[in-house]
Amino acid sequence: MPSENHFSADNQQEKLIYWIVGFVDGEGTFSVSFNKNSTTSTGWQIFPEFVITQGAKSLLALEEIQKFFECGKLYINRRKDNHKENLYRFCVRSFKDLDEKIVPFFQKHSLRTAKREDFNKFAKIILLIKRRIHLTSKGANKIAKIIETMNRKKQSRYLLSSETTRQAHQSDEKI
């Protein structure tokens, strides 16, 4: 007969997984941004990240999540407003960790809020980057259009760029 410790360990792991999913549903963000970078083929760097932000009182929760995923870094955002508590951010920016740890975890353990749709778009972008689609203007445009439908749904800086507009028109002329 299996020991009670066996059931207890499995149960605790399952509870931890559900806790993390719920925590991310409420406090997590899957985001992708474009940063100007003259060393890249398109002139822009695509920057995916997974972030959870909490006040200093909840730092232990972020540390537990970091320990669970075995990746990411914790950053402090010192408050300069009327709030007394500093904010902490757990960030995963490593493409390898996003691709091999974060995305598979949330594909296996589905989010339950509208954040699931943002995650699905994030996972699609990670796949496009993995396939190196982002290295062309056409691929970067495709990713930028997906980004515009995520989170706060604001227009992509990349798509607003005059350089991007010029490149798109040049591509259209060549067709």
Protein backbone atom coordinates (compact mmCIF):
# COMPACT_ATOMS: atom_id res chain seq x y z
CA MET A 1 0.00 0.00 0.00
CA PRO A 2 1.45 3.43 -0.95
CA SER A 3 2.45 5.63 1.93
CA GLU A 4 0.45 8.71 2.83
CA ASN A 5 3.55 10.78 2.06
CA HIS A 6 3.35 9.69 -1.58
CA PHE A 7 -0.20 10.97 -1.89
CA SER A 8 0.64 14.05 0.10
CA ALA A 9 3.58 15.00 -2.15
CA ASP A 10 1.54 14.48 -5.33
CA ASN A 11 -1.35 16.43 -3.86
CA GLN A 12 0.92 19.29 -2.79
CA GLN A 13 2.47 19.48 -6.26
CA GLU A 14 -0.99 19.53 -7.84
CA LYS A 15 -2.13 22.26 -5.43
CA LEU A 16 1.00 24.28 -6.26
CA ILE A 17 0.28 23.97 -9.99
CA TYR A 18 -3.33 25.14 -9.54
CA TRP A 19 -2.15 27.98 -7.31
CA ILE A 20 0.36 29.13 -9.95
CA VAL A 21 -2.25 28.98 -12.72
CA GLY A 22 -4.68 31.01 -10.61
CA PHE A 23 -1.99 33.47 -9.60
CA VAL A 24 -0.97 34.05 -13.22
CA ASP A 25 -4.62 34.34 -14.27
CA GLY A 26 -4.93 37.24 -11.85
CA GLU A 27 -1.49 38.83 -11.83
CA GLY A 28 0.53 37.58 -14.80
CA THR A 29 1.17 39.10 -18.21
CA PHE A 30 2.34 37.56 -21.46
CA SER A 31 3.67 40.38 -23.59
CA VAL A 32 5.74 40.97 -26.68
CA SER A 33 7.25 44.29 -27.65
CA PHE A 34 9.40 45.72 -30.41
CA ASN A 35 12.55 47.69 -29.61
CA LYS A 36 14.59 49.59 -32.16
CA ASN A 37 17.88 47.78 -32.76
CA SER A 38 20.08 48.68 -35.72
CA THR A 39 22.02 45.40 -35.44
CA THR A 40 19.02 43.27 -36.50
CA SER A 41 17.98 42.56 -40.09
CA THR A 42 14.67 44.42 -39.71
CA GLY A 43 16.04 47.22 -37.50
CA TRP A 44 13.85 45.99 -34.64
CA GLN A 45 14.25 43.41 -31.90
CA ILE A 46 11.21 41.38 -30.86
CA PHE A 47 11.13 41.03 -27.11
CA PRO A 48 8.77 38.41 -25.56
CA GLU A 49 8.44 38.21 -21.79
CA PHE A 50 6.35 36.63 -19.06
CA VAL A 51 5.90 38.85 -15.98
CA ILE A 52 4.16 38.69 -12.63
CA THR A 53 4.15 41.87 -10.52
CA GLN A 54 3.46 42.00 -6.79
CA GLY A 55 3.93 44.33 -3.87
CA ALA A 56 6.79 43.74 -1.43
CA LYS A 57 4.46 41.94 0.99
CA SER A 58 4.00 39.18 -1.60
CA LEU A 59 7.65 38.78 -2.60
CA LEU A 60 7.71 35.24 -1.16
CA ALA A 61 5.02 34.21 -3.67
CA LEU A 62 7.19 35.42 -6.56
CA GLU A 63 10.19 33.59 -5.12
CA GLU A 64 8.16 30.38 -4.91
CA ILE A 65 7.07 30.74 -8.55
CA GLN A 66 10.67 31.42 -9.62
CA LYS A 67 11.79 28.31 -7.74
CA PHE A 68 9.05 26.23 -9.36
CA PHE A 69 9.97 27.27 -12.92
CA GLU A 70 13.73 27.26 -12.22
CA CYS A 71 14.19 30.34 -14.37
CA GLY A 72 13.56 34.05 -14.54
CA LYS A 73 14.76 36.93 -12.42
CA LEU A 74 13.27 39.11 -9.71
CA TYR A 75 13.47 42.88 -10.09
CA ILE A 76 12.50 45.65 -7.71
CA ASN A 77 10.57 48.67 -8.95
CA ARG A 78 11.06 51.31 -6.30
CA ARG A 79 7.95 53.40 -5.83
CA LYS A 80 8.28 57.14 -6.18
CA ASP A 81 4.59 57.90 -5.82
CA ASN A 82 2.38 57.99 -2.74
CA HIS A 83 2.47 54.20 -2.27
CA LYS A 84 4.77 52.99 0.48
CA GLU A 85 5.29 49.48 -0.79
CA ASN A 86 7.80 48.77 -3.56
CA LEU A 87 6.78 46.51 -6.41
CA TYR A 88 8.62 43.35 -7.41
CA ARG A 89 8.54 41.69 -10.81
CA PHE A 90 9.24 38.09 -11.67
CA CYS A 91 10.35 38.20 -15.33
CA VAL A 92 11.20 35.44 -17.75
CA ARG A 93 12.89 36.90 -20.81
CA SER A 94 15.11 34.03 -21.94
CA PHE A 95 13.67 32.71 -25.19
CA LYS A 96 14.83 29.20 -24.29
CA ASP A 97 13.04 29.33 -20.91
CA LEU A 98 9.90 30.79 -22.47
CA ASP A 99 9.90 28.11 -25.18
CA GLU A 100 10.89 25.12 -23.02
CA LYS A 101 9.34 25.92 -19.62
CA ILE A 102 6.69 28.65 -19.59
CA VAL A 103 4.80 27.88 -22.81
CA PRO A 104 4.65 24.09 -22.26
CA PHE A 105 3.50 24.58 -18.65
CA PHE A 106 0.55 26.79 -19.63
CA GLN A 107 -0.28 24.59 -22.62
CA LYS A 108 -0.59 21.66 -20.21
CA HIS A 109 -2.24 23.65 -17.37
CA SER A 110 -4.70 25.99 -19.05
CA LEU A 111 -5.47 29.46 -17.77
CA ARG A 112 -9.14 30.02 -16.99
CA THR A 113 -9.70 33.73 -17.66
CA ALA A 114 -9.51 35.89 -20.78
CA LYS A 115 -5.73 35.78 -20.20
CA ARG A 116 -5.81 32.35 -21.89
CA GLU A 117 -6.34 34.08 -25.26
CA ASP A 118 -3.31 36.35 -24.66
CA PHE A 119 -1.27 33.29 -23.74
CA ASN A 120 -2.34 31.46 -26.92
CA LYS A 121 -1.22 34.44 -29.01
CA PHE A 122 2.02 34.63 -27.02
CA ALA A 123 2.67 30.91 -27.66
CA LYS A 124 2.03 31.45 -31.38
CA ILE A 125 4.56 34.30 -31.46
CA ILE A 126 7.13 32.14 -29.63
CA LEU A 127 6.61 29.47 -32.31
CA LEU A 128 7.01 32.03 -35.11
CA ILE A 129 10.24 33.28 -33.56
CA LYS A 130 11.46 29.71 -33.13
CA ARG A 131 10.81 29.18 -36.85
CA ARG A 132 12.76 32.42 -37.51
CA ILE A 133 9.78 34.08 -39.23
CA HIS A 134 10.55 37.29 -37.32
CA LEU A 135 13.76 37.87 -39.28
CA THR A 136 11.88 39.24 -42.30
CA SER A 137 9.79 42.41 -42.52
CA LYS A 138 6.77 40.32 -43.54
CA GLY A 139 7.22 38.04 -40.52
CA ALA A 140 7.77 40.97 -38.14
CA ASN A 141 4.57 42.58 -39.50
CA LYS A 142 2.67 39.35 -38.85
CA ILE A 143 3.91 39.29 -35.26
CA ALA A 144 3.16 43.00 -34.75
CA LYS A 145 -0.44 42.45 -35.89
CA ILE A 146 -0.85 39.63 -33.35
CA ILE A 147 0.62 41.85 -30.61
CA GLU A 148 -1.96 44.54 -31.35
CA THR A 149 -4.73 42.12 -30.34
CA MET A 150 -3.11 41.24 -26.99
CA ASN A 151 -3.47 42.77 -23.53
CA ARG A 152 -4.44 46.44 -23.87
CA LYS A 153 -4.81 46.17 -27.64
CA LYS A 154 -2.77 49.23 -28.49
CA GLN A 155 -1.23 49.88 -31.88
CA SER A 156 2.26 48.50 -32.32
CA ARG A 157 5.17 50.97 -32.32
CA TYR A 158 6.67 48.79 -35.01
CA LEU A 159 3.69 49.19 -37.33
CA LEU A 160 3.56 52.95 -36.65
CA SER A 161 7.22 53.37 -37.60
CA SER A 162 7.79 55.35 -40.78
CA GLU A 163 10.66 52.99 -41.61
CA THR A 164 8.33 50.00 -41.41
CA THR A 165 5.74 51.75 -43.57
CA ARG A 166 8.41 52.55 -46.17
CA GLN A 167 9.64 48.93 -46.20
CA ALA A 168 6.09 47.65 -46.60
CA HIS A 169 5.51 49.93 -49.59
CA GLN A 170 8.81 48.84 -51.16
CA SER A 171 7.78 45.20 -50.73
CA ASP A 172 4.40 45.95 -52.32
CA GLU A 173 6.09 47.63 -55.29
CA LYS A 174 8.28 44.57 -55.92
CA ILE A 175 5.27 42.25 -56.16
